[in-house]
C-alpha atoms as a PDB file:
ATOM      1  CA  MET A   1     -73.665 -84.512  -9.257  1.00  0.00           C
ATOM      2  CA  ARG A   2     -77.111 -83.252  -8.434  1.00  0.00           C
ATOM      3  CA  LEU A   3     -78.495 -80.006  -9.626  1.00  0.00           C
ATOM      4  CA  LEU A   4     -81.554 -77.915  -8.965  1.00  0.00           C
ATOM      5  CA  LEU A   5     -83.016 -76.236 -12.287  1.00  0.00           C
ATOM      6  CA  VAL A   6     -85.272 -73.425 -11.665  1.00  0.00           C
ATOM      7  CA  GLU A   7     -86.808 -72.184 -14.861  1.00  0.00           C
ATOM      8  CA  ASP A   8     -90.505 -71.163 -15.539  1.00  0.00           C
ATOM      9  CA  ASP A   9     -90.415 -71.258 -19.288  1.00  0.00           C
ATOM     10  CA  PRO A  10     -91.313 -74.792 -20.604  1.00  0.00           C
ATOM     11  CA  MET A  11     -89.336 -74.804 -23.841  1.00  0.00           C
ATOM     12  CA  ILE A  12     -86.105 -73.404 -22.160  1.00  0.00           C
ATOM     13  CA  GLY A  13     -86.527 -75.926 -19.277  1.00  0.00           C
ATOM     14  CA  GLU A  14     -87.121 -78.922 -21.405  1.00  0.00           C
ATOM     15  CA  GLN A  15     -83.922 -78.124 -23.264  1.00  0.00           C
ATOM     16  CA  LEU A  16     -81.705 -77.561 -20.330  1.00  0.00           C
ATOM     17  CA  LEU A  17     -82.962 -80.644 -18.681  1.00  0.00           C
ATOM     18  CA  GLU A  18     -82.133 -82.808 -21.665  1.00  0.00           C
ATOM     19  CA  LEU A  19     -78.729 -81.140 -22.106  1.00  0.00           C
ATOM     20  CA  LEU A  20     -77.832 -81.423 -18.331  1.00  0.00           C
ATOM     21  CA  ARG A  21     -78.890 -85.062 -18.071  1.00  0.00           C
ATOM     22  CA  ALA A  22     -76.983 -85.922 -21.206  1.00  0.00           C
ATOM     23  CA  GLU A  23     -74.049 -84.756 -19.290  1.00  0.00           C
ATOM     24  CA  SER A  24     -74.659 -87.288 -16.572  1.00  0.00           C
ATOM     25  CA  TYR A  25     -76.223 -84.930 -13.861  1.00  0.00           C
ATOM     26  CA  ALA A  26     -79.248 -85.754 -12.003  1.00  0.00           C
ATOM     27  CA  VAL A  27     -81.542 -83.101 -12.209  1.00  0.00           C
ATOM     28  CA  ASP A  28     -84.775 -81.718 -10.485  1.00  0.00           C
ATOM     29  CA  TRP A  29     -86.768 -79.168 -12.237  1.00  0.00           C
ATOM     30  CA  VAL A  30     -89.099 -76.392 -10.403  1.00  0.00           C
ATOM     31  CA  ARG A  31     -90.946 -73.863 -12.399  1.00  0.00           C
ATOM     32  CA  ASP A  32     -91.625 -71.080  -9.602  1.00  0.00           C
ATOM     33  CA  GLY A  33     -89.985 -69.479  -6.798  1.00  0.00           C
ATOM     34  CA  GLU A  34     -91.883 -71.057  -3.942  1.00  0.00           C
ATOM     35  CA  LEU A  35     -91.120 -74.612  -5.165  1.00  0.00           C
ATOM     36  CA  ALA A  36     -87.529 -73.706  -5.543  1.00  0.00           C
ATOM     37  CA  ASP A  37     -87.270 -72.585  -2.004  1.00  0.00           C
ATOM     38  CA  ALA A  38     -88.983 -75.677  -0.750  1.00  0.00           C
ATOM     39  CA  ALA A  39     -86.844 -77.829  -2.767  1.00  0.00           C
ATOM     40  CA  LEU A  40     -83.750 -76.053  -1.452  1.00  0.00           C
ATOM     41  CA  GLN A  41     -84.953 -76.596   2.140  1.00  0.00           C
ATOM     42  CA  ALA A  42     -85.569 -80.264   1.715  1.00  0.00           C
ATOM     43  CA  GLN A  43     -82.654 -81.503  -0.684  1.00  0.00           C
ATOM     44  CA  ASN A  44     -78.864 -80.934  -0.790  1.00  0.00           C
ATOM     45  CA  TYR A  45     -77.779 -79.792  -4.189  1.00  0.00           C
ATOM     46  CA  ASP A  46     -74.367 -79.651  -5.944  1.00  0.00           C
ATOM     47  CA  LEU A  47     -75.512 -76.509  -7.778  1.00  0.00           C
ATOM     48  CA  VAL A  48     -78.476 -74.455  -8.454  1.00  0.00           C
ATOM     49  CA  LEU A  49     -79.312 -73.053 -11.903  1.00  0.00           C
ATOM     50  CA  LEU A  50     -81.460 -70.089 -11.086  1.00  0.00           C
ATOM     51  CA  ASP A  51     -83.830 -67.938 -13.250  1.00  0.00           C
ATOM     52  CA  LEU A  52     -84.779 -64.402 -11.755  1.00  0.00           C
ATOM     53  CA  GLY A  53     -88.043 -63.735 -13.331  1.00  0.00           C
ATOM     54  CA  LEU A  54     -90.054 -66.443 -11.497  1.00  0.00           C
ATOM     55  CA  PRO A  55     -93.914 -66.624 -10.722  1.00  0.00           C
ATOM     56  CA  LYS A  56     -94.853 -66.667  -6.934  1.00  0.00           C
ATOM     57  CA  ARG A  57     -91.395 -65.626  -5.671  1.00  0.00           C
ATOM     58  CA  ASP A  58     -88.738 -63.712  -7.487  1.00  0.00           C
ATOM     59  CA  GLY A  59     -85.391 -65.604  -7.845  1.00  0.00           C
ATOM     60  CA  MET A  60     -83.413 -62.875  -5.847  1.00  0.00           C
ATOM     61  CA  SER A  61     -85.786 -63.592  -2.951  1.00  0.00           C
ATOM     62  CA  VAL A  62     -85.054 -67.224  -3.369  1.00  0.00           C
ATOM     63  CA  LEU A  63     -81.407 -66.553  -3.561  1.00  0.00           C
ATOM     64  CA  ARG A  64     -81.191 -64.419  -0.447  1.00  0.00           C
ATOM     65  CA  ALA A  65     -83.202 -66.849   1.546  1.00  0.00           C
ATOM     66  CA  LEU A  66     -80.800 -69.582   0.522  1.00  0.00           C
ATOM     67  CA  ARG A  67     -77.625 -67.682   1.626  1.00  0.00           C
ATOM     68  CA  ALA A  68     -79.571 -66.597   4.817  1.00  0.00           C
ATOM     69  CA  ARG A  69     -79.768 -70.112   5.695  1.00  0.00           C
ATOM     70  CA  LYS A  70     -76.211 -70.520   5.236  1.00  0.00           C
ATOM     71  CA  GLN A  71     -76.282 -72.873   2.227  1.00  0.00           C
ATOM     72  CA  VAL A  72     -73.177 -72.856   0.504  1.00  0.00           C
ATOM     73  CA  MET A  73     -73.746 -74.543  -2.810  1.00  0.00           C
ATOM     74  CA  PRO A  74     -72.769 -72.528  -5.971  1.00  0.00           C
ATOM     75  CA  VAL A  75     -75.853 -70.726  -7.661  1.00  0.00           C
ATOM     76  CA  LEU A  76     -75.421 -69.780 -11.306  1.00  0.00           C
ATOM     77  CA  ILE A  77     -78.037 -67.288 -12.274  1.00  0.00           C
ATOM     78  CA  ALA A  78     -79.235 -67.660 -15.940  1.00  0.00           C
ATOM     79  CA  THR A  79     -81.656 -64.732 -16.896  1.00  0.00           C
ATOM     80  CA  ALA A  80     -82.691 -62.411 -19.426  1.00  0.00           C
ATOM     81  CA  ARG A  81     -82.291 -59.393 -16.830  1.00  0.00           C
ATOM     82  CA  ASP A  82     -79.288 -57.693 -18.479  1.00  0.00           C
ATOM     83  CA  ALA A  83     -79.192 -54.304 -16.641  1.00  0.00           C
ATOM     84  CA  LEU A  84     -75.567 -53.873 -15.035  1.00  0.00           C
ATOM     85  CA  GLU A  85     -77.054 -53.105 -11.802  1.00  0.00           C
ATOM     86  CA  GLN A  86     -79.253 -56.167 -11.844  1.00  0.00           C
ATOM     87  CA  ARG A  87     -76.069 -58.243 -12.380  1.00  0.00           C
ATOM     88  CA  ILE A  88     -74.187 -56.597  -9.606  1.00  0.00           C
ATOM     89  CA  ALA A  89     -77.273 -57.027  -7.307  1.00  0.00           C
ATOM     90  CA  GLY A  90     -77.302 -60.785  -8.097  1.00  0.00           C
ATOM     91  CA  LEU A  91     -73.852 -61.307  -7.451  1.00  0.00           C
ATOM     92  CA  ASP A  92     -73.719 -59.288  -4.341  1.00  0.00           C
ATOM     93  CA  ALA A  93     -76.798 -61.296  -3.022  1.00  0.00           C
ATOM     94  CA  GLY A  94     -74.621 -64.647  -3.022  1.00  0.00           C
ATOM     95  CA  ALA A  95     -74.720 -65.669  -6.643  1.00  0.00           C
ATOM     96  CA  ASP A  96     -71.367 -67.286  -7.641  1.00  0.00           C
ATOM     97  CA  ASP A  97     -71.736 -66.624 -11.483  1.00  0.00           C
ATOM     98  CA  TYR A  98     -74.226 -64.800 -14.064  1.00  0.00           C
ATOM     99  CA  VAL A  99     -74.974 -65.673 -17.637  1.00  0.00           C
ATOM    100  CA  LEU A 100     -77.536 -63.823 -19.817  1.00  0.00           C
ATOM    101  CA  LYS A 101     -80.173 -65.553 -22.104  1.00  0.00           C
ATOM    102  CA  PRO A 102     -79.770 -66.443 -24.754  1.00  0.00           C
ATOM    103  CA  PHE A 103     -76.504 -68.060 -23.826  1.00  0.00           C
ATOM    104  CA  GLU A 104     -74.544 -70.630 -25.628  1.00  0.00           C
ATOM    105  CA  LEU A 105     -75.083 -74.111 -24.215  1.00  0.00           C
ATOM    106  CA  HIS A 106     -71.317 -75.135 -24.298  1.00  0.00           C
ATOM    107  CA  GLU A 107     -70.598 -72.145 -22.279  1.00  0.00           C
ATOM    108  CA  LEU A 108     -73.094 -72.814 -19.690  1.00  0.00           C
ATOM    109  CA  LEU A 109     -71.920 -76.129 -19.187  1.00  0.00           C
ATOM    110  CA  ALA A 110     -68.347 -74.884 -18.874  1.00  0.00           C
ATOM    111  CA  ARG A 111     -69.450 -72.543 -16.064  1.00  0.00           C
ATOM    112  CA  ILE A 112     -71.167 -75.189 -14.394  1.00  0.00           C
ATOM    113  CA  ARG A 113     -68.012 -77.359 -14.480  1.00  0.00           C
ATOM    114  CA  ALA A 114     -65.807 -74.501 -13.115  1.00  0.00           C
ATOM    115  CA  LEU A 115     -68.319 -73.729 -10.352  1.00  0.00           C
ATOM    116  CA  LEU A 116     -68.492 -77.292  -9.362  1.00  0.00           C
ATOM    117  CA  ARG A 117     -64.635 -77.716  -9.428  1.00  0.00           C
ATOM    118  CA  ARG A 118     -64.225 -74.527  -7.323  1.00  0.00           C
ATOM    119  CA  ALA A 119     -66.765 -75.801  -4.919  1.00  0.00           C
ATOM    120  CA  SER A 120     -64.713 -79.060  -4.506  1.00  0.00           C
ATOM    121  CA  GLY A 121     -61.646 -76.914  -3.401  1.00  0.00           C
ATOM    122  CA  ARG A 122     -59.924 -77.711  -6.748  1.00  0.00           C
ATOM    123  CA  ALA A 123     -58.505 -75.360  -9.480  1.00  0.00           C
ATOM    124  CA  GLU A 124     -57.387 -77.925 -11.932  1.00  0.00           C
ATOM    125  CA  PRO A 125     -59.617 -79.111 -14.727  1.00  0.00           C
ATOM    126  CA  VAL A 126     -58.440 -82.755 -14.559  1.00  0.00           C
ATOM    127  CA  TYR A 127     -58.646 -84.755 -11.231  1.00  0.00           C
ATOM    128  CA  GLU A 128     -55.600 -86.986 -10.700  1.00  0.00           C
ATOM    129  CA  HIS A 129     -55.333 -89.559  -7.643  1.00  0.00           C
ATOM    130  CA  ARG A 130     -53.846 -92.666  -7.269  1.00  0.00           C
ATOM    131  CA  GLY A 131     -53.235 -93.396 -10.835  1.00  0.00           C
ATOM    132  CA  VAL A 132     -56.582 -92.453 -11.945  1.00  0.00           C
ATOM    133  CA  SER A 133     -57.592 -89.176 -13.766  1.00  0.00           C
ATOM    134  CA  ILE A 134     -60.710 -87.869 -14.795  1.00  0.00           C
ATOM    135  CA  ASN A 135     -61.597 -84.864 -17.087  1.00  0.00           C
ATOM    136  CA  PRO A 136     -65.266 -83.521 -16.214  1.00  0.00           C
ATOM    137  CA  ALA A 137     -65.079 -81.613 -19.556  1.00  0.00           C
ATOM    138  CA  THR A 138     -64.694 -84.703 -21.930  1.00  0.00           C
ATOM    139  CA  ARG A 139     -65.674 -87.329 -19.510  1.00  0.00           C
ATOM    140  CA  GLU A 140     -62.407 -89.150 -20.152  1.00  0.00           C
ATOM    141  CA  VAL A 141     -61.187 -91.662 -17.454  1.00  0.00           C
ATOM    142  CA  VAL A 142     -57.595 -92.769 -17.678  1.00  0.00           C
ATOM    143  CA  ALA A 143     -56.274 -95.405 -15.122  1.00  0.00           C
ATOM    144  CA  GLU A 144     -52.574 -96.478 -15.135  1.00  0.00           C
ATOM    145  CA  GLY A 145     -52.176 -95.118 -18.537  1.00  0.00           C
ATOM    146  CA  ARG A 146     -55.157 -96.756 -20.207  1.00  0.00           C
ATOM    147  CA  GLN A 147     -58.541 -95.255 -21.204  1.00  0.00           C
ATOM    148  CA  VAL A 148     -61.415 -96.617 -19.238  1.00  0.00           C
ATOM    149  CA  THR A 149     -65.175 -96.338 -20.305  1.00  0.00           C
ATOM    150  CA  LEU A 150     -67.704 -95.776 -17.630  1.00  0.00           C
ATOM    151  CA  SER A 151     -71.459 -95.664 -17.484  1.00  0.00           C
ATOM    152  CA  ALA A 152     -73.105 -92.312 -16.858  1.00  0.00           C
ATOM    153  CA  ARG A 153     -74.047 -93.504 -13.362  1.00  0.00           C
ATOM    154  CA  GLU A 154     -70.624 -95.082 -12.569  1.00  0.00           C
ATOM    155  CA  TRP A 155     -69.430 -91.513 -13.317  1.00  0.00           C
ATOM    156  CA  ALA A 156     -72.012 -89.938 -11.313  1.00  0.00           C
ATOM    157  CA  VAL A 157     -70.554 -92.182  -8.414  1.00  0.00           C
ATOM    158  CA  LEU A 158     -66.778 -91.869  -9.180  1.00  0.00           C
ATOM    159  CA  GLU A 159     -66.499 -88.032  -9.810  1.00  0.00           C
ATOM    160  CA  PRO A 160     -67.680 -86.763  -6.245  1.00  0.00           C
ATOM    161  CA  LEU A 161     -65.457 -89.285  -4.550  1.00  0.00           C
ATOM    162  CA  LEU A 162     -62.191 -88.623  -6.561  1.00  0.00           C
ATOM    163  CA  ALA A 163     -62.834 -84.768  -6.392  1.00  0.00           C
ATOM    164  CA  ARG A 164     -62.551 -84.867  -2.560  1.00  0.00           C
ATOM    165  CA  PRO A 165     -60.112 -87.787  -1.733  1.00  0.00           C
ATOM    166  CA  GLY A 166     -60.567 -88.805   2.054  1.00  0.00           C
ATOM    167  CA  MET A 167     -64.093 -87.279   2.326  1.00  0.00           C
ATOM    168  CA  VAL A 168     -66.651 -90.093   3.234  1.00  0.00           C
ATOM    169  CA  LEU A 169     -69.923 -90.121   1.325  1.00  0.00           C
ATOM    170  CA  SER A 170     -72.863 -92.257   2.728  1.00  0.00           C
ATOM    171  CA  ARG A 171     -74.797 -94.170   0.379  1.00  0.00           C
ATOM    172  CA  GLN A 172     -77.618 -92.076   0.772  1.00  0.00           C
ATOM    173  CA  GLN A 173     -75.398 -89.003  -0.353  1.00  0.00           C
ATOM    174  CA  LEU A 174     -74.215 -91.094  -3.372  1.00  0.00           C
ATOM    175  CA  GLU A 175     -77.775 -92.051  -4.320  1.00  0.00           C
ATOM    176  CA  GLU A 176     -78.756 -88.190  -4.167  1.00  0.00           C
ATOM    177  CA  LYS A 177     -76.151 -87.462  -6.637  1.00  0.00           C
ATOM    178  CA  LEU A 178     -77.330 -90.313  -9.038  1.00  0.00           C
ATOM    179  CA  TYR A 179     -80.985 -89.787  -8.966  1.00  0.00           C
ATOM    180  CA  SER A 180     -83.579 -87.102  -9.296  1.00  0.00           C
ATOM    181  CA  TRP A 181     -87.122 -87.018  -7.793  1.00  0.00           C
ATOM    182  CA  LYS A 182     -88.769 -88.952 -10.576  1.00  0.00           C
ATOM    183  CA  ASP A 183     -86.117 -91.722 -10.804  1.00  0.00           C
ATOM    184  CA  GLU A 184     -86.830 -95.127  -9.275  1.00  0.00           C
ATOM    185  CA  ILE A 185     -83.999 -96.098  -7.011  1.00  0.00           C
ATOM    186  CA  SER A 186     -82.992 -99.799  -6.637  1.00  0.00           C
ATOM    187  CA  SER A 187     -81.959-100.735  -3.175  1.00  0.00           C
ATOM    188  CA  ASN A 188     -78.405-101.906  -4.062  1.00  0.00           C
ATOM    189  CA  ALA A 189     -77.713 -99.428  -6.887  1.00  0.00           C
ATOM    190  CA  VAL A 190     -74.690 -97.815  -5.288  1.00  0.00           C
ATOM    191  CA  GLU A 191     -73.194-101.128  -4.283  1.00  0.00           C
ATOM    192  CA  VAL A 192     -73.417-102.075  -8.033  1.00  0.00           C
ATOM    193  CA  TYR A 193     -71.733 -99.064  -9.254  1.00  0.00           C
ATOM    194  CA  ILE A 194     -69.079 -99.296  -6.613  1.00  0.00           C
ATOM    195  CA  HIS A 195     -68.379-102.930  -7.725  1.00  0.00           C
ATOM    196  CA  GLY A 196     -68.237-101.932 -11.520  1.00  0.00           C
ATOM    197  CA  LEU A 197     -65.777 -99.078 -10.476  1.00  0.00           C
ATOM    198  CA  ARG A 198     -63.578-101.479  -8.630  1.00  0.00           C
ATOM    199  CA  LYS A 199     -63.412-104.085 -11.563  1.00  0.00           C
ATOM    200  CA  LYS A 200     -62.510-101.228 -14.073  1.00  0.00           C
ATOM    201  CA  LEU A 201     -60.150 -99.082 -11.959  1.00  0.00           C
ATOM    202  CA  GLY A 202     -58.756-101.347  -9.237  1.00  0.00           C
ATOM    203  CA  ALA A 203     -60.084-102.765  -6.076  1.00  0.00           C
ATOM    204  CA  ALA A 204     -58.252-100.419  -3.722  1.00  0.00           C
ATOM    205  CA  LEU A 205     -59.440 -97.114  -5.281  1.00  0.00           C
ATOM    206  CA  ILE A 206     -62.734 -96.815  -3.315  1.00  0.00           C
ATOM    207  CA  GLN A 207     -62.753 -98.041   0.306  1.00  0.00           C
ATOM    208  CA  ASN A 208     -65.688 -99.116   2.534  1.00  0.00           C
ATOM    209  CA  VAL A 209     -65.967 -97.279   5.775  1.00  0.00           C
ATOM    210  CA  ARG A 210     -68.010 -99.614   7.786  1.00  0.00           C
ATOM    211  CA  GLY A 211     -71.275 -98.294   8.871  1.00  0.00           C
ATOM    212  CA  VAL A 212     -70.533 -94.947   7.313  1.00  0.00           C
ATOM    213  CA  GLY A 213     -70.178 -95.137   3.462  1.00  0.00           C
ATOM    214  CA  TYR A 214     -67.383 -94.948   0.848  1.00  0.00           C
ATOM    215  CA  ARG A 215     -64.120 -92.780   0.108  1.00  0.00           C
ATOM    216  CA  VAL A 216     -61.187 -92.628  -2.024  1.00  0.00           C
ATOM    217  CA  PRO A 217     -58.212 -92.715   0.187  1.00  0.00           C
ATOM    218  CA  LYS A 218     -56.305 -89.441   0.639  1.00  0.00           C
ATOM    219  CA  GLU A 219     -53.010 -90.914   0.279  1.00  0.00           C
END
C-alpha cells in the first residue's frame, strides 16, 4: 500500500517514515501544503496522513481541494489542533479519521489499517479467500492451514490483490504500491514477486489477465 505522509516537523516525520516503512508501506513524505497538493494531483495513494499546521498551504485547504477533485482515498488527520470545533471542521471537510498529537504509534497503525480495510469494502480484520488468509495487523499469512512467510514486498503485492478479489491491478498499479519516489524500480520486479507468491501460495491464486495485469479470481 502506498501512503502520503504530510508532516512539516522533521523529527516526527522521520519517526513516522521509519514506522510506516517497517510495516511494509511505501511512503512518500512531503513537508508543506503546496507539495502535498501537487503530490495528490500526480499520484494515486491508498491513504493520506495529513498534518494541518503546514507551511505554504494549510492542511485544511489541501483536504478541501482533494475532495473537490473527487479523490476518494482515506484521509487521517494527525495534528496538535485539539479544539472540538477544529476536529468537527476536519471531519466535515472530508477527513475519515482524526488523531491528536502526541499519539500512540500502535493506535495510529490500527487506525490506518481500519481505514484501508474500509476503503477496500471489507469489515473483517482478516482477509480470507480461496484457502488463503492474511492478517494486516500481524502480517500473518496462512495457506491451507500452514503458515507462510512472505517478504515485505511480496506482502505489498498480495494484500491489495487479496483485499479485492476479481479486481485487476496493472503492473504499474502494483509498482505504485511497492515503491516510493526515491526507490529504484527494477523492470521485472512485479513479475518476480508474483512468481514468489505463486510458489508459496499456489499457482492458481493469482491470475494473469493478458495485456491488463493481475487479479485474484473472485470465485
